[in-house]
Amino acid sequence: MLGFIYRRLLYMIPTVVLVSVVTFLIIQLPPGDYLDTLAAELSDSGGLDAGTMEALRERYGLGQPFFVQYWKWISGIVLHGDFGLSFEKNLPVGDLIWDRLGWTFAISLLTLLFIWAVALPIGIYSAVRKYSFGDYAATFFGFIGLAVPNFLLALVMMYVAFKYFGQSVGGLVSPEYLDQPWNWDKLVNLLQHIWMPIFVVGTSGAAALIRIMRANLLDELYRPYVVTARAKGMSEFQLLLRYPVRVALNPFISTIGWILPTLVSGEIIVAVVMNLPTTGPMLLRALLVQDMYLAGSLILIVSLLTVLGTLISDLLLAWIDPRIRYQ
């Protein structure tokens, strides 16, 4: 098992290096840079003269070659934990993103737990009770969850919560708690608000995993080893959990590799609609104004989540299925 983990960690190193290069390259692809965007925004008030533009470009290092800018950025991250300077805010990127990253990871982790708690039992029930009313109901709501965009579901739920329940919508706490220190009342108010973005972001993921779990389990329920175990007198519940569900979990667990980055990147529009203090609105604004160090750092973090999610799913699969770690 240790050898398996060691190999997976070695594979991550060139992957992360390549991801960082591609991330920085993507940020550089749009024509112009932050100063061009700033000059366009200030054009109505006279804009920036050529001397000021050149001085700012020299200050921010925007006139340097691509690999010089990349090395300056990635070496600062690796050696000093410095993600660079946000051009628009004129503040270190690390000071801007850590608070929002905390809320983003908290919502993403709770959403992941919600997805698993919903998808696993419903997927098992749909497979065991194939073509029953419950199976059809789960299938129907699963397709609805896949078809309805998250931002539209957010708008509908916000309207219903405000219209019929009188709940303040937007943000994670009510306006009167924004500047207050953390206490029991603020925590209760947070719990009254946070369930909505968790439900909205997790709906499509839960719907997809229900279908995956159902299909995987149906492939295993009628295998010869299941028939043999049933013929030996094993109870249906014990047989189900010990054999077919365990095998069907393999593709289920492998989805962690794409669920983690999808939760973080997929909440961008939802965060804008629901006014959440997460990285989504910040990333959108950074891309619009071409704040390359801020946008590049956020995209790099999302990309690293993909690599990390793949590593976690590989380790869990190796733990559940010994055949994988001995390959």
C-alpha atoms as a PDB file:
ATOM      1  CA  MET A   1       0.000   0.000   0.000  1.00  0.00           C
ATOM      2  CA  LEU A   2       2.858   2.390   0.792  1.00  0.00           C
ATOM      3  CA  GLY A   3       4.381   1.715  -2.617  1.00  0.00           C
ATOM      4  CA  PHE A   4       1.039   2.497  -4.253  1.00  0.00           C
ATOM      5  CA  ILE A   5       0.805   5.831  -2.380  1.00  0.00           C
ATOM      6  CA  TYR A   6       4.426   6.661  -3.253  1.00  0.00           C
ATOM      7  CA  ARG A   7       3.814   6.090  -6.979  1.00  0.00           C
ATOM      8  CA  ARG A   8       0.663   8.209  -6.949  1.00  0.00           C
ATOM      9  CA  LEU A   9       2.484  11.067  -5.208  1.00  0.00           C
ATOM     10  CA  LEU A  10       5.285  10.894  -7.785  1.00  0.00           C
ATOM     11  CA  TYR A  11       2.744  11.085 -10.608  1.00  0.00           C
ATOM     12  CA  MET A  12       1.305  14.250  -9.042  1.00  0.00           C
ATOM     13  CA  ILE A  13       4.539  16.267  -9.342  1.00  0.00           C
ATOM     14  CA  PRO A  14       4.756  16.572 -13.174  1.00  0.00           C
ATOM     15  CA  THR A  15       0.977  16.886 -13.326  1.00  0.00           C
ATOM     16  CA  VAL A  16       0.966  19.874 -10.961  1.00  0.00           C
ATOM     17  CA  VAL A  17       3.863  21.512 -12.845  1.00  0.00           C
ATOM     18  CA  LEU A  18       2.054  21.108 -16.175  1.00  0.00           C
ATOM     19  CA  VAL A  19      -1.209  22.378 -14.665  1.00  0.00           C
ATOM     20  CA  SER A  20       0.507  25.517 -13.352  1.00  0.00           C
ATOM     21  CA  VAL A  21       2.040  26.279 -16.776  1.00  0.00           C
ATOM     22  CA  VAL A  22      -1.267  25.761 -18.587  1.00  0.00           C
ATOM     23  CA  THR A  23      -3.097  27.867 -15.981  1.00  0.00           C
ATOM     24  CA  PHE A  24      -0.735  30.806 -16.424  1.00  0.00           C
ATOM     25  CA  LEU A  25      -0.852  30.413 -20.202  1.00  0.00           C
ATOM     26  CA  ILE A  26      -4.669  30.557 -20.194  1.00  0.00           C
ATOM     27  CA  ILE A  27      -4.589  33.770 -18.173  1.00  0.00           C
ATOM     28  CA  GLN A  28      -2.211  35.288 -20.753  1.00  0.00           C
ATOM     29  CA  LEU A  29      -4.252  34.276 -23.814  1.00  0.00           C
ATOM     30  CA  PRO A  30      -6.790  37.157 -23.927  1.00  0.00           C
ATOM     31  CA  PRO A  31      -5.472  40.202 -25.852  1.00  0.00           C
ATOM     32  CA  GLY A  32      -4.154  43.062 -23.745  1.00  0.00           C
ATOM     33  CA  ASP A  33      -3.610  43.022 -19.995  1.00  0.00           C
ATOM     34  CA  TYR A  34      -4.946  44.588 -16.816  1.00  0.00           C
ATOM     35  CA  LEU A  35      -3.653  48.057 -17.720  1.00  0.00           C
ATOM     36  CA  ASP A  36      -5.454  47.987 -21.071  1.00  0.00           C
ATOM     37  CA  THR A  37      -8.679  47.087 -19.264  1.00  0.00           C
ATOM     38  CA  LEU A  38      -8.072  49.845 -16.711  1.00  0.00           C
ATOM     39  CA  ALA A  39      -7.391  52.390 -19.440  1.00  0.00           C
ATOM     40  CA  ALA A  40     -10.625  51.410 -21.225  1.00  0.00           C
ATOM     41  CA  GLU A  41     -12.606  51.837 -17.979  1.00  0.00           C
ATOM     42  CA  LEU A  42     -11.051  55.274 -17.399  1.00  0.00           C
ATOM     43  CA  SER A  43     -11.435  56.437 -20.997  1.00  0.00           C
ATOM     44  CA  ASP A  44     -14.421  58.646 -20.147  1.00  0.00           C
ATOM     45  CA  SER A  45     -12.355  60.546 -17.578  1.00  0.00           C
ATOM     46  CA  GLY A  46      -9.322  61.055 -19.799  1.00  0.00           C
ATOM     47  CA  GLY A  47      -7.718  57.626 -19.456  1.00  0.00           C
ATOM     48  CA  LEU A  48      -4.050  57.023 -18.696  1.00  0.00           C
ATOM     49  CA  ASP A  49      -1.244  58.752 -20.516  1.00  0.00           C
ATOM     50  CA  ALA A  50       1.503  56.745 -22.160  1.00  0.00           C
ATOM     51  CA  GLY A  51       4.067  57.559 -19.477  1.00  0.00           C
ATOM     52  CA  THR A  52       1.822  56.389 -16.662  1.00  0.00           C
ATOM     53  CA  MET A  53       0.955  53.220 -18.585  1.00  0.00           C
ATOM     54  CA  GLU A  54       4.625  52.425 -19.111  1.00  0.00           C
ATOM     55  CA  ALA A  55       5.475  53.096 -15.462  1.00  0.00           C
ATOM     56  CA  LEU A  56       2.657  50.843 -14.244  1.00  0.00           C
ATOM     57  CA  ARG A  57       3.569  48.121 -16.738  1.00  0.00           C
ATOM     58  CA  GLU A  58       7.148  48.211 -15.440  1.00  0.00           C
ATOM     59  CA  ARG A  59       5.957  48.164 -11.811  1.00  0.00           C
ATOM     60  CA  TYR A  60       3.749  45.118 -12.289  1.00  0.00           C
ATOM     61  CA  GLY A  61       6.210  43.351 -14.595  1.00  0.00           C
ATOM     62  CA  LEU A  62       3.690  43.110 -17.426  1.00  0.00           C
ATOM     63  CA  GLY A  63       6.271  43.912 -20.082  1.00  0.00           C
ATOM     64  CA  GLN A  64       8.430  40.898 -19.211  1.00  0.00           C
ATOM     65  CA  PRO A  65       8.502  37.650 -21.267  1.00  0.00           C
ATOM     66  CA  PHE A  66       5.981  34.924 -20.467  1.00  0.00           C
ATOM     67  CA  PHE A  67       8.384  32.522 -18.732  1.00  0.00           C
ATOM     68  CA  VAL A  68       9.887  35.330 -16.625  1.00  0.00           C
ATOM     69  CA  GLN A  69       6.418  36.266 -15.371  1.00  0.00           C
ATOM     70  CA  TYR A  70       5.562  32.604 -14.826  1.00  0.00           C
ATOM     71  CA  TRP A  71       8.745  31.888 -12.860  1.00  0.00           C
ATOM     72  CA  LYS A  72       8.237  34.966 -10.720  1.00  0.00           C
ATOM     73  CA  TRP A  73       4.689  33.836  -9.925  1.00  0.00           C
ATOM     74  CA  ILE A  74       5.264  30.094  -9.335  1.00  0.00           C
ATOM     75  CA  SER A  75       8.541  30.529  -7.417  1.00  0.00           C
ATOM     76  CA  GLY A  76       6.821  32.992  -5.092  1.00  0.00           C
ATOM     77  CA  ILE A  77       4.073  30.435  -4.421  1.00  0.00           C
ATOM     78  CA  VAL A  78       6.384  27.445  -3.892  1.00  0.00           C
ATOM     79  CA  LEU A  79       9.203  29.147  -1.981  1.00  0.00           C
ATOM     80  CA  HIS A  80       7.421  31.869  -0.043  1.00  0.00           C
ATOM     81  CA  GLY A  81       3.692  31.122  -0.201  1.00  0.00           C
ATOM     82  CA  ASP A  82       3.294  34.427  -2.066  1.00  0.00           C
ATOM     83  CA  PHE A  83       0.601  34.328  -4.747  1.00  0.00           C
ATOM     84  CA  GLY A  84       1.521  37.749  -6.107  1.00  0.00           C
ATOM     85  CA  LEU A  85      -0.175  41.135  -6.020  1.00  0.00           C
ATOM     86  CA  SER A  86      -3.729  41.817  -7.080  1.00  0.00           C
ATOM     87  CA  PHE A  87      -3.560  44.642  -9.616  1.00  0.00           C
ATOM     88  CA  GLU A  88      -7.091  45.908  -9.007  1.00  0.00           C
ATOM     89  CA  LYS A  89      -7.047  45.765  -5.203  1.00  0.00           C
ATOM     90  CA  ASN A  90      -3.319  46.543  -4.853  1.00  0.00           C
ATOM     91  CA  LEU A  91      -3.177  43.931  -2.084  1.00  0.00           C
ATOM     92  CA  PRO A  92      -1.441  40.535  -1.784  1.00  0.00           C
ATOM     93  CA  VAL A  93      -3.537  37.788  -3.367  1.00  0.00           C
ATOM     94  CA  GLY A  94      -3.165  35.630  -0.263  1.00  0.00           C
ATOM     95  CA  ASP A  95      -4.834  38.285   1.902  1.00  0.00           C
ATOM     96  CA  LEU A  96      -7.792  38.395  -0.486  1.00  0.00           C
ATOM     97  CA  ILE A  97      -8.475  34.716  -1.081  1.00  0.00           C
ATOM     98  CA  TRP A  98      -7.965  32.879   2.220  1.00  0.00           C
ATOM     99  CA  ASP A  99     -11.156  34.028   3.934  1.00  0.00           C
ATOM    100  CA  ARG A 100     -13.204  33.319   0.829  1.00  0.00           C
ATOM    101  CA  LEU A 101     -11.443  29.998   0.305  1.00  0.00           C
ATOM    102  CA  GLY A 102     -12.451  28.982   3.817  1.00  0.00           C
ATOM    103  CA  TRP A 103     -16.131  29.567   3.068  1.00  0.00           C
ATOM    104  CA  THR A 104     -15.770  27.924  -0.349  1.00  0.00           C
ATOM    105  CA  PHE A 105     -14.216  24.769   1.106  1.00  0.00           C
ATOM    106  CA  ALA A 106     -16.762  24.669   3.933  1.00  0.00           C
ATOM    107  CA  ILE A 107     -19.705  24.872   1.531  1.00  0.00           C
ATOM    108  CA  SER A 108     -18.056  22.393  -0.859  1.00  0.00           C
ATOM    109  CA  LEU A 109     -17.347  19.857   1.911  1.00  0.00           C
ATOM    110  CA  LEU A 110     -20.873  20.103   3.311  1.00  0.00           C
ATOM    111  CA  THR A 111     -22.252  19.809  -0.221  1.00  0.00           C
ATOM    112  CA  LEU A 112     -20.147  16.692  -0.841  1.00  0.00           C
ATOM    113  CA  LEU A 113     -21.486  15.105   2.363  1.00  0.00           C
ATOM    114  CA  PHE A 114     -25.020  16.061   1.306  1.00  0.00           C
ATOM    115  CA  ILE A 115     -24.523  14.490  -2.133  1.00  0.00           C
ATOM    116  CA  TRP A 116     -23.252  11.220  -0.675  1.00  0.00           C
ATOM    117  CA  ALA A 117     -25.927  11.092   2.036  1.00  0.00           C
ATOM    118  CA  VAL A 118     -28.656  11.505  -0.591  1.00  0.00           C
ATOM    119  CA  ALA A 119     -27.238   9.594  -3.566  1.00  0.00           C
ATOM    120  CA  LEU A 120     -26.033   6.429  -1.816  1.00  0.00           C
ATOM    121  CA  PRO A 121     -29.293   5.257  -0.137  1.00  0.00           C
ATOM    122  CA  ILE A 122     -31.534   6.421  -2.991  1.00  0.00           C
ATOM    123  CA  GLY A 123     -29.285   4.761  -5.594  1.00  0.00           C
ATOM    124  CA  ILE A 124     -29.336   1.490  -3.631  1.00  0.00           C
ATOM    125  CA  TYR A 125     -33.116   1.643  -3.210  1.00  0.00           C
ATOM    126  CA  SER A 126     -33.673   2.372  -6.917  1.00  0.00           C
ATOM    127  CA  ALA A 127     -31.585  -0.648  -7.893  1.00  0.00           C
ATOM    128  CA  VAL A 128     -33.099  -3.067  -5.358  1.00  0.00           C
ATOM    129  CA  ARG A 129     -36.672  -1.875  -6.068  1.00  0.00           C
ATOM    130  CA  LYS A 130     -36.225  -1.617  -9.804  1.00  0.00           C
ATOM    131  CA  TYR A 131     -39.268  -0.288 -11.708  1.00  0.00           C
ATOM    132  CA  SER A 132     -41.171   0.411  -8.485  1.00  0.00           C
ATOM    133  CA  PHE A 133     -42.949   3.691  -7.790  1.00  0.00           C
ATOM    134  CA  GLY A 134     -40.002   4.839  -5.663  1.00  0.00           C
ATOM    135  CA  ASP A 135     -37.581   4.042  -8.482  1.00  0.00           C
ATOM    136  CA  TYR A 136     -39.642   6.022 -10.967  1.00  0.00           C
ATOM    137  CA  ALA A 137     -39.937   8.935  -8.507  1.00  0.00           C
ATOM    138  CA  ALA A 138     -36.165   8.967  -7.895  1.00  0.00           C
ATOM    139  CA  THR A 139     -35.532   8.799 -11.644  1.00  0.00           C
ATOM    140  CA  PHE A 140     -37.952  11.661 -12.302  1.00  0.00           C
ATOM    141  CA  PHE A 141     -36.475  13.957  -9.662  1.00  0.00           C
ATOM    142  CA  GLY A 142     -32.976  12.923 -10.736  1.00  0.00           C
ATOM    143  CA  PHE A 143     -33.623  14.075 -14.292  1.00  0.00           C
ATOM    144  CA  ILE A 144     -35.146  17.309 -12.942  1.00  0.00           C
ATOM    145  CA  GLY A 145     -32.033  17.880 -10.847  1.00  0.00           C
ATOM    146  CA  LEU A 146     -29.810  17.362 -13.890  1.00  0.00           C
ATOM    147  CA  ALA A 147     -31.924  19.517 -16.194  1.00  0.00           C
ATOM    148  CA  VAL A 148     -32.603  22.573 -14.015  1.00  0.00           C
ATOM    149  CA  PRO A 149     -29.648  25.018 -13.924  1.00  0.00           C
ATOM    150  CA  ASN A 150     -28.328  25.700 -10.439  1.00  0.00           C
ATOM    151  CA  PHE A 151     -28.746  29.468 -10.722  1.00  0.00           C
ATOM    152  CA  LEU A 152     -32.413  29.080 -11.740  1.00  0.00           C
ATOM    153  CA  LEU A 153     -33.064  26.781  -8.793  1.00  0.00           C
ATOM    154  CA  ALA A 154     -31.347  29.357  -6.557  1.00  0.00           C
ATOM    155  CA  LEU A 155     -33.619  32.136  -7.810  1.00  0.00           C
ATOM    156  CA  VAL A 156     -36.746  30.037  -7.253  1.00  0.00           C
ATOM    157  CA  MET A 157     -35.733  28.993  -3.742  1.00  0.00           C
ATOM    158  CA  MET A 158     -34.770  32.545  -2.784  1.00  0.00           C
ATOM    159  CA  TYR A 159     -38.164  33.809  -3.964  1.00  0.00           C
ATOM    160  CA  VAL A 160     -40.049  31.098  -2.067  1.00  0.00           C
ATOM    161  CA  ALA A 161     -37.991  31.646   1.116  1.00  0.00           C
ATOM    162  CA  PHE A 162     -38.581  35.394   1.052  1.00  0.00           C
ATOM    163  CA  LYS A 163     -42.199  35.377  -0.131  1.00  0.00           C
ATOM    164  CA  TYR A 164     -43.641  32.616   2.020  1.00  0.00           C
ATOM    165  CA  PHE A 165     -41.246  32.248   4.967  1.00  0.00           C
ATOM    166  CA  GLY A 166     -40.023  35.809   5.411  1.00  0.00           C
ATOM    167  CA  GLN A 167     -36.383  34.738   5.397  1.00  0.00           C
ATOM    168  CA  SER A 168     -33.729  37.214   4.309  1.00  0.00           C
ATOM    169  CA  VAL A 169     -32.065  35.983   1.125  1.00  0.00           C
ATOM    170  CA  GLY A 170     -28.549  36.568  -0.140  1.00  0.00           C
ATOM    171  CA  GLY A 171     -25.414  35.973   1.876  1.00  0.00           C
ATOM    172  CA  LEU A 172     -24.761  33.411   4.584  1.00  0.00           C
ATOM    173  CA  VAL A 173     -26.111  35.474   7.480  1.00  0.00           C
ATOM    174  CA  SER A 174     -28.786  38.134   7.887  1.00  0.00           C
ATOM    175  CA  PRO A 175     -27.687  41.774   7.443  1.00  0.00           C
ATOM    176  CA  GLU A 176     -27.892  42.521  11.166  1.00  0.00           C
ATOM    177  CA  TYR A 177     -25.265  39.817  11.899  1.00  0.00           C
ATOM    178  CA  LEU A 178     -22.697  40.847   9.263  1.00  0.00           C
ATOM    179  CA  ASP A 179     -20.487  42.961  11.543  1.00  0.00           C
ATOM    180  CA  GLN A 180     -21.183  41.125  14.785  1.00  0.00           C
ATOM    181  CA  PRO A 181     -18.669  38.746  16.408  1.00  0.00           C
ATOM    182  CA  TRP A 182     -19.424  35.059  16.336  1.00  0.00           C
ATOM    183  CA  ASN A 183     -21.897  33.908  18.989  1.00  0.00           C
ATOM    184  CA  TRP A 184     -24.656  31.336  19.328  1.00  0.00           C
ATOM    185  CA  ASP A 185     -27.314  33.512  17.661  1.00  0.00           C
ATOM    186  CA  LYS A 186     -25.070  34.190  14.657  1.00  0.00           C
ATOM    187  CA  LEU A 187     -24.269  30.476  14.344  1.00  0.00           C
ATOM    188  CA  VAL A 188     -27.984  29.614  14.353  1.00  0.00           C
ATOM    189  CA  ASN A 189     -28.594  32.298  11.731  1.00  0.00           C
ATOM    190  CA  LEU A 190     -25.781  30.832   9.603  1.00  0.00           C
ATOM    191  CA  LEU A 191     -27.372  27.380   9.759  1.00  0.00           C
ATOM    192  CA  GLN A 192     -30.691  28.909   8.687  1.00  0.00           C
ATOM    193  CA  HIS A 193     -29.024  30.288   5.543  1.00  0.00           C
ATOM    194  CA  ILE A 194     -26.281  27.852   4.572  1.00  0.00           C
ATOM    195  CA  TRP A 195     -28.577  24.922   3.792  1.00  0.00           C
ATOM    196  CA  MET A 196     -29.876  26.717   0.700  1.00  0.00           C
ATOM    197  CA  PRO A 197     -26.563  27.007  -1.240  1.00  0.00           C
ATOM    198  CA  ILE A 198     -25.678  23.459  -0.148  1.00  0.00           C
ATOM    199  CA  PHE A 199     -28.956  22.141  -1.566  1.00  0.00           C
ATOM    200  CA  VAL A 200     -28.706  24.238  -4.750  1.00  0.00           C
ATOM    201  CA  VAL A 201     -25.083  23.331  -5.554  1.00  0.00           C
ATOM    202  CA  GLY A 202     -25.503  19.670  -4.579  1.00  0.00           C
ATOM    203  CA  THR A 203     -28.694  18.915  -6.499  1.00  0.00           C
ATOM    204  CA  SER A 204     -27.137  18.146  -9.877  1.00  0.00           C
ATOM    205  CA  GLY A 205     -24.258  16.158  -8.339  1.00  0.00           C
ATOM    206  CA  ALA A 206     -26.627  14.057  -6.232  1.00  0.00           C
ATOM    207  CA  ALA A 207     -28.863  13.413  -9.237  1.00  0.00           C
ATOM    208  CA  ALA A 208     -25.907  12.216 -11.330  1.00  0.00           C
ATOM    209  CA  LEU A 209     -24.552   9.938  -8.596  1.00  0.00           C
ATOM    210  CA  ILE A 210     -27.983   8.381  -8.005  1.00  0.00           C
ATOM    211  CA  ARG A 211     -28.006   7.244 -11.636  1.00  0.00           C
ATOM    212  CA  ILE A 212     -24.405   5.998 -11.391  1.00  0.00           C
ATOM    213  CA  MET A 213     -25.051   4.022  -8.200  1.00  0.00           C
ATOM    214  CA  ARG A 214     -28.252   2.524  -9.587  1.00  0.00           C
ATOM    215  CA  ALA A 215     -26.572   1.390 -12.821  1.00  0.00           C
ATOM    216  CA  ASN A 216     -23.520  -0.030 -11.034  1.00  0.00           C
ATOM    217  CA  LEU A 217     -25.575  -1.960  -8.495  1.00  0.00           C
ATOM    218  CA  LEU A 218     -27.917  -3.391 -11.132  1.00  0.00           C
ATOM    219  CA  ASP A 219     -24.853  -4.828 -12.877  1.00  0.00           C
ATOM    220  CA  GLU A 220     -23.883  -6.687  -9.679  1.00  0.00           C
ATOM    221  CA  LEU A 221     -27.194  -7.843  -8.208  1.00  0.00           C
ATOM    222  CA  TYR A 222     -27.595 -10.839 -10.521  1.00  0.00           C
ATOM    223  CA  ARG A 223     -23.987 -11.987 -10.677  1.00  0.00           C
ATOM    224  CA  PRO A 224     -23.301 -15.669  -9.802  1.00  0.00           C
ATOM    225  CA  TYR A 225     -21.534 -14.813  -6.531  1.00  0.00           C
ATOM    226  CA  VAL A 226     -24.694 -13.022  -5.317  1.00  0.00           C
ATOM    227  CA  VAL A 227     -26.896 -15.980  -6.252  1.00  0.00           C
ATOM    228  CA  THR A 228     -24.476 -18.345  -4.488  1.00  0.00           C
ATOM    229  CA  ALA A 229     -24.416 -16.249  -1.296  1.00  0.00           C
ATOM    230  CA  ARG A 230     -28.220 -16.102  -1.293  1.00  0.00           C
ATOM    231  CA  ALA A 231     -28.430 -19.881  -1.777  1.00  0.00           C
ATOM    232  CA  LYS A 232     -26.216 -20.382   1.292  1.00  0.00           C
ATOM    233  CA  GLY A 233     -28.806 -18.598   3.415  1.00  0.00           C
ATOM    234  CA  MET A 234     -27.214 -15.186   3.886  1.00  0.00           C
ATOM    235  CA  SER A 235     -29.765 -12.482   4.749  1.00  0.00           C
ATOM    236  CA  GLU A 236     -30.642 -10.041   1.969  1.00  0.00           C
ATOM    237  CA  PHE A 237     -29.466  -6.975   3.896  1.00  0.00           C
ATOM    238  CA  GLN A 238     -26.104  -8.514   4.845  1.00  0.00           C
ATOM    239  CA  LEU A 239     -25.625  -9.904   1.339  1.00  0.00           C
ATOM    240  CA  LEU A 240     -26.417  -6.535  -0.241  1.00  0.00           C
ATOM    241  CA  LEU A 241     -23.953  -4.530   1.838  1.00  0.00           C
ATOM    242  CA  ARG A 242     -21.179  -7.120   1.941  1.00  0.00           C
ATOM    243  CA  TYR A 243     -20.893  -7.920  -1.762  1.00  0.00           C
ATOM    244  CA  PRO A 244     -22.717  -6.014  -4.541  1.00  0.00           C
ATOM    245  CA  VAL A 245     -22.767  -2.599  -2.831  1.00  0.00           C
ATOM    246  CA  ARG A 246     -19.063  -2.836  -2.035  1.00  0.00           C
ATOM    247  CA  VAL A 247     -18.224  -3.640  -5.657  1.00  0.00           C
ATOM    248  CA  ALA A 248     -20.621  -0.979  -6.976  1.00  0.00           C
ATOM    249  CA  LEU A 249     -18.889   1.673  -4.850  1.00  0.00           C
ATOM    250  CA  ASN A 250     -15.770   1.614  -7.045  1.00  0.00           C
ATOM    251  CA  PRO A 251     -17.077   3.931  -9.802  1.00  0.00           C
ATOM    252  CA  PHE A 252     -19.002   5.847  -7.134  1.00  0.00           C
ATOM    253  CA  ILE A 253     -15.815   6.696  -5.234  1.00  0.00           C
ATOM    254  CA  SER A 254     -13.880   7.485  -8.419  1.00  0.00           C
ATOM    255  CA  THR A 255     -16.224  10.426  -9.013  1.00  0.00           C
ATOM    256  CA  ILE A 256     -14.501  12.343  -6.186  1.00  0.00           C
ATOM    257  CA  GLY A 257     -11.901  13.370  -8.756  1.00  0.00           C
ATOM    258  CA  TRP A 258     -14.425  15.492 -10.648  1.00  0.00           C
ATOM    259  CA  ILE A 259     -16.890  16.321  -7.866  1.00  0.00           C
ATOM    260  CA  LEU A 260     -14.428  18.422  -5.804  1.00  0.00           C
ATOM    261  CA  PRO A 261     -13.432  20.898  -8.560  1.00  0.00           C
ATOM    262  CA  THR A 262     -16.981  20.898  -9.935  1.00  0.00           C
ATOM    263  CA  LEU A 263     -18.357  21.983  -6.565  1.00  0.00           C
ATOM    264  CA  VAL A 264     -15.847  24.814  -6.257  1.00  0.00           C
ATOM    265  CA  SER A 265     -16.043  26.054  -9.862  1.00  0.00           C
ATOM    266  CA  GLY A 266     -19.729  25.237 -10.326  1.00  0.00           C
ATOM    267  CA  GLU A 267     -20.776  27.550  -7.495  1.00  0.00           C
ATOM    268  CA  ILE A 268     -19.533  30.692  -9.301  1.00  0.00           C
ATOM    269  CA  ILE A 269     -22.880  31.675 -10.846  1.00  0.00           C
ATOM    270  CA  VAL A 270     -24.760  30.490  -7.752  1.00  0.00           C
ATOM    271  CA  ALA A 271     -22.460  32.597  -5.553  1.00  0.00           C
ATOM    272  CA  VAL A 272     -23.130  35.668  -7.687  1.00  0.00           C
ATOM    273  CA  VAL A 273     -26.901  35.081  -7.602  1.00  0.00           C
ATOM    274  CA  MET A 274     -27.009  34.352  -3.860  1.00  0.00           C
ATOM    275  CA  ASN A 275     -24.327  36.909  -2.912  1.00  0.00           C
ATOM    276  CA  LEU A 276     -22.124  34.333  -1.188  1.00  0.00           C
ATOM    277  CA  PRO A 277     -18.715  35.373   0.237  1.00  0.00           C
ATOM    278  CA  THR A 278     -16.875  32.678  -1.722  1.00  0.00           C
ATOM    279  CA  THR A 279     -14.206  32.673  -4.425  1.00  0.00           C
ATOM    280  CA  GLY A 280     -16.734  32.569  -7.283  1.00  0.00           C
ATOM    281  CA  PRO A 281     -17.524  36.288  -7.590  1.00  0.00           C
ATOM    282  CA  MET A 282     -13.871  37.163  -6.979  1.00  0.00           C
ATOM    283  CA  LEU A 283     -12.714  34.852  -9.800  1.00  0.00           C
ATOM    284  CA  LEU A 284     -15.314  36.250 -12.177  1.00  0.00           C
ATOM    285  CA  ARG A 285     -14.249  39.825 -11.459  1.00  0.00           C
ATOM    286  CA  ALA A 286     -10.547  38.950 -11.783  1.00  0.00           C
ATOM    287  CA  LEU A 287     -11.154  37.385 -15.208  1.00  0.00           C
ATOM    288  CA  LEU A 288     -13.171  40.382 -16.388  1.00  0.00           C
ATOM    289  CA  VAL A 289     -10.454  42.900 -15.489  1.00  0.00           C
ATOM    290  CA  GLN A 290      -7.566  40.523 -16.350  1.00  0.00           C
ATOM    291  CA  ASP A 291      -6.120  40.581 -12.839  1.00  0.00           C
ATOM    292  CA  MET A 292      -3.820  37.720 -13.826  1.00  0.00           C
ATOM    293  CA  TYR A 293      -2.209  36.825 -10.489  1.00  0.00           C
ATOM    294  CA  LEU A 294      -5.540  36.720  -8.655  1.00  0.00           C
ATOM    295  CA  ALA A 295      -7.324  34.816 -11.434  1.00  0.00           C
ATOM    296  CA  GLY A 296      -4.366  32.498 -12.010  1.00  0.00           C
ATOM    297  CA  SER A 297      -4.098  31.639  -8.316  1.00  0.00           C
ATOM    298  CA  LEU A 298      -7.793  30.785  -8.059  1.00  0.00           C
ATOM    299  CA  ILE A 299      -7.742  28.684 -11.234  1.00  0.00           C
ATOM    300  CA  LEU A 300      -4.599  26.919 -10.014  1.00  0.00           C
ATOM    301  CA  ILE A 301      -6.322  26.052  -6.728  1.00  0.00           C
ATOM    302  CA  VAL A 302      -9.320  24.609  -8.603  1.00  0.00           C
ATOM    303  CA  SER A 303      -6.940  22.598 -10.818  1.00  0.00           C
ATOM    304  CA  LEU A 304      -5.061  21.308  -7.783  1.00  0.00           C
ATOM    305  CA  LEU A 305      -8.384  20.182  -6.334  1.00  0.00           C
ATOM    306  CA  THR A 306      -8.818  17.986  -9.407  1.00  0.00           C
ATOM    307  CA  VAL A 307      -5.424  16.376  -8.811  1.00  0.00           C
ATOM    308  CA  LEU A 308      -6.117  16.047  -5.084  1.00  0.00           C
ATOM    309  CA  GLY A 309      -9.568  14.592  -5.713  1.00  0.00           C
ATOM    310  CA  THR A 310      -8.077  12.025  -8.085  1.00  0.00           C
ATOM    311  CA  LEU A 311      -5.463  11.069  -5.472  1.00  0.00           C
ATOM    312  CA  ILE A 312      -8.121  10.676  -2.767  1.00  0.00           C
ATOM    313  CA  SER A 313     -10.306   8.542  -5.029  1.00  0.00           C
ATOM    314  CA  ASP A 314      -7.303   6.358  -5.991  1.00  0.00           C
ATOM    315  CA  LEU A 315      -6.403   5.785  -2.325  1.00  0.00           C
ATOM    316  CA  LEU A 316      -9.998   4.978  -1.361  1.00  0.00           C
ATOM    317  CA  LEU A 317     -10.347   2.588  -4.296  1.00  0.00           C
ATOM    318  CA  ALA A 318      -7.083   0.867  -3.341  1.00  0.00           C
ATOM    319  CA  TRP A 319      -8.357   0.507   0.228  1.00  0.00           C
ATOM    320  CA  ILE A 320     -11.710  -0.936  -0.851  1.00  0.00           C
ATOM    321  CA  ASP A 321     -10.482  -3.087  -3.750  1.00  0.00           C
ATOM    322  CA  PRO A 322      -7.112  -4.839  -3.160  1.00  0.00           C
ATOM    323  CA  ARG A 323      -6.872  -5.677  -6.885  1.00  0.00           C
ATOM    324  CA  ILE A 324      -6.122  -2.026  -7.647  1.00  0.00           C
ATOM    325  CA  ARG A 325      -3.163  -1.549  -5.326  1.00  0.00           C
ATOM    326  CA  TYR A 326      -1.529  -4.788  -6.541  1.00  0.00           C
ATOM    327  CA  GLN A 327      -1.714  -3.841 -10.238  1.00  0.00           C
END
